[in-house]
Structures are given as structure tokens and as C-alpha cells.
Amino acid sequence: MKKTLIVGASPDPSRYAYKAAHMLTQFGHPIVNVGIKKGEVAGVGIEKPEKIHPDIDTITLYIGPDLQESYKDYILETRPNRVIFNPGTENRALQQFLKENHIAYDEACTLVLLSTGQY
């Protein structure tokens, strides 16, 4: 199973980050919810981007490029195996930064990857 950190976690059921959290846990992937909202999603509290989780396989992004700059160092310190840029989060500058730091990335939809067995 791939421990996944969700950046942009939200307790709002209409948000894709919310749906991804539930689908990830349904498929047995442990999650860490990170964001600015308070609450919990899929039974896991939402935390601020302060604590570094060294055992993260995947970071899945649900924040736009304008907010990603403030997460750049957090992502680097986390050292995930990969970062998923969900639709609307694509960011060439951050992708170049990841490439320079030997962190793989995909432009994909976490929900689609899970539902097609490609996660």
C-alpha cells in the first residue's frame, strides 16, 4: 500500500480532495490530510503543513499553482517517491523543481488511477 499525503485536504464532500481521501482509504492506502481547513476526512484529521512524514510514497495535489510555492520546501523535506498533479494543479516550475531534486511526478487524476488499478 502507498501511504499518500493529500495537499489541499478538505472536509467538504463536494471537493475532489475529499473524494480522493475516501477512495484511497477504501483501496487500503493510508493517508495524511494536509491543508488549511479544520476537521477530518475519511477518519483522519487535517493538519497544517508543519510535521514532516518521512514514510510518504505519494503526494497528491489539490491546490492550484498559486498556492504550491508555499508548499515547495515541505514537499522536498517529505521526499515522496512521486507527486501527482491532479487536473488544474499542473505547474511547470514545480515540476522542474521536482525533477531537479529527483522526485518523480505525474499529471494524472488520483481518482482515475485508483479506479483503473494504476495507482
Protein backbone atom coordinates (compact mmCIF):
# COMPACT_ATOMS: atom_id res chain seq x y z
CA MET A 1 0.00 0.00 0.00
CA LYS A 2 1.16 3.52 -0.78
CA LYS A 3 0.94 5.99 2.08
CA THR A 4 -0.41 9.17 0.50
CA LEU A 5 -0.27 12.76 1.64
CA ILE A 6 -3.18 14.84 0.35
CA VAL A 7 -2.25 18.52 -0.05
CA GLY A 8 -5.40 20.61 -0.06
CA ALA A 9 -7.47 18.24 2.07
CA SER A 10 -10.99 19.49 2.72
CA PRO A 11 -13.92 18.30 4.84
CA ASP A 12 -16.28 19.48 2.06
CA PRO A 13 -17.83 16.39 0.38
CA SER A 14 -18.10 18.24 -2.94
CA ARG A 15 -14.30 18.63 -3.22
CA TYR A 16 -12.18 16.15 -5.15
CA ALA A 17 -9.64 16.00 -2.32
CA TYR A 18 -12.43 14.73 -0.07
CA LYS A 19 -13.40 12.08 -2.62
CA ALA A 20 -9.78 11.05 -3.08
CA ALA A 21 -9.27 10.64 0.68
CA HIS A 22 -12.23 8.28 0.88
CA MET A 23 -11.27 6.33 -2.23
CA LEU A 24 -7.64 5.98 -1.10
CA THR A 25 -8.74 4.55 2.25
CA GLN A 26 -11.26 2.27 0.51
CA PHE A 27 -8.39 0.85 -1.51
CA GLY A 28 -6.32 0.36 1.67
CA HIS A 29 -3.86 3.23 1.22
CA PRO A 30 -3.09 5.05 4.48
CA ILE A 31 -3.50 8.83 4.18
CA VAL A 32 -2.25 12.04 5.73
CA ASN A 33 -4.51 15.07 5.23
CA VAL A 34 -2.77 18.43 4.94
CA GLY A 35 -4.48 21.74 4.38
CA ILE A 36 -5.78 24.97 5.83
CA LYS A 37 -9.29 23.74 6.66
CA LYS A 38 -10.14 22.34 10.07
CA GLY A 39 -11.78 18.98 10.50
CA GLU A 40 -11.22 15.45 9.33
CA VAL A 41 -11.67 13.44 6.18
CA ALA A 42 -12.07 9.67 5.99
CA GLY A 43 -11.45 9.47 9.74
CA VAL A 44 -8.11 11.32 9.55
CA GLY A 45 -7.64 14.85 10.91
CA ILE A 46 -6.47 17.67 8.67
CA GLU A 47 -3.12 19.04 9.77
CA LYS A 48 -1.08 22.08 8.80
CA PRO A 49 1.99 21.57 6.57
CA GLU A 50 4.37 21.51 9.52
CA LYS A 51 5.05 17.91 10.52
CA ILE A 52 7.23 16.01 8.07
CA HIS A 53 6.10 12.46 7.41
CA PRO A 54 9.18 10.53 6.23
CA ASP A 55 7.26 7.46 5.04
CA ILE A 56 5.15 9.05 2.29
CA ASP A 57 5.07 7.27 -1.06
CA THR A 58 2.86 9.73 -2.92
CA ILE A 59 1.81 13.35 -2.54
CA THR A 60 -1.38 14.17 -4.42
CA LEU A 61 -2.01 17.87 -5.04
CA TYR A 62 -5.40 19.54 -4.79
CA ILE A 63 -4.17 23.16 -4.65
CA GLY A 64 -3.54 25.43 -7.59
CA PRO A 65 -0.14 26.61 -8.80
CA ASP A 66 -0.52 29.94 -6.97
CA LEU A 67 -0.53 28.15 -3.59
CA GLN A 68 2.03 25.47 -4.43
CA GLU A 69 5.06 27.74 -3.98
CA SER A 70 4.42 27.86 -0.23
CA TYR A 71 4.48 24.03 -0.12
CA LYS A 72 7.66 23.56 -2.15
CA ASP A 73 10.04 23.13 0.81
CA TYR A 74 7.51 20.95 2.63
CA ILE A 75 7.29 18.63 -0.38
CA LEU A 76 11.07 18.48 -0.69
CA GLU A 77 11.53 17.69 3.02
CA THR A 78 8.88 14.97 2.79
CA ARG A 79 10.85 13.28 -0.04
CA PRO A 80 7.95 11.34 -1.59
CA ASN A 81 8.53 8.83 -4.35
CA ARG A 82 6.18 10.81 -6.56
CA VAL A 83 3.85 13.79 -6.74
CA ILE A 84 0.55 13.65 -8.60
CA PHE A 85 -0.64 16.86 -10.25
CA ASN A 86 -4.41 16.41 -10.43
CA PRO A 87 -6.31 18.30 -13.17
CA GLY A 88 -5.97 22.04 -12.61
CA THR A 89 -2.83 21.76 -10.48
CA GLU A 90 -0.29 21.43 -13.28
CA ASN A 91 2.75 23.64 -12.65
CA ARG A 92 5.84 23.56 -14.89
CA ALA A 93 8.00 25.43 -12.36
CA LEU A 94 7.23 22.98 -9.54
CA GLN A 95 7.63 20.03 -11.91
CA GLN A 96 11.09 21.31 -12.88
CA PHE A 97 11.95 21.73 -9.19
CA LEU A 98 10.87 18.13 -8.51
CA LYS A 99 12.88 16.86 -11.48
CA GLU A 100 15.99 18.70 -10.23
CA ASN A 101 15.51 17.04 -6.84
CA HIS A 102 14.95 13.55 -8.28
CA ILE A 103 11.28 13.30 -7.30
CA ALA A 104 9.02 11.72 -9.91
CA TYR A 105 5.74 13.36 -10.87
CA ASP A 106 2.66 12.57 -12.92
CA GLU A 107 -0.06 14.73 -14.40
CA ALA A 108 -2.99 12.47 -13.64
CA CYS A 109 -6.18 12.12 -11.66
CA THR A 110 -5.84 10.20 -8.41
CA LEU A 111 -9.46 9.06 -8.65
CA VAL A 112 -8.95 7.66 -12.15
CA LEU A 113 -5.65 5.99 -11.23
CA LEU A 114 -7.33 4.26 -8.30
CA SER A 115 -10.42 3.18 -10.22
CA THR A 116 -8.38 1.75 -13.12
CA GLY A 117 -5.85 -0.09 -10.93
CA GLN A 118 -2.93 2.14 -11.98
CA TYR A 119 -2.29 3.81 -8.64
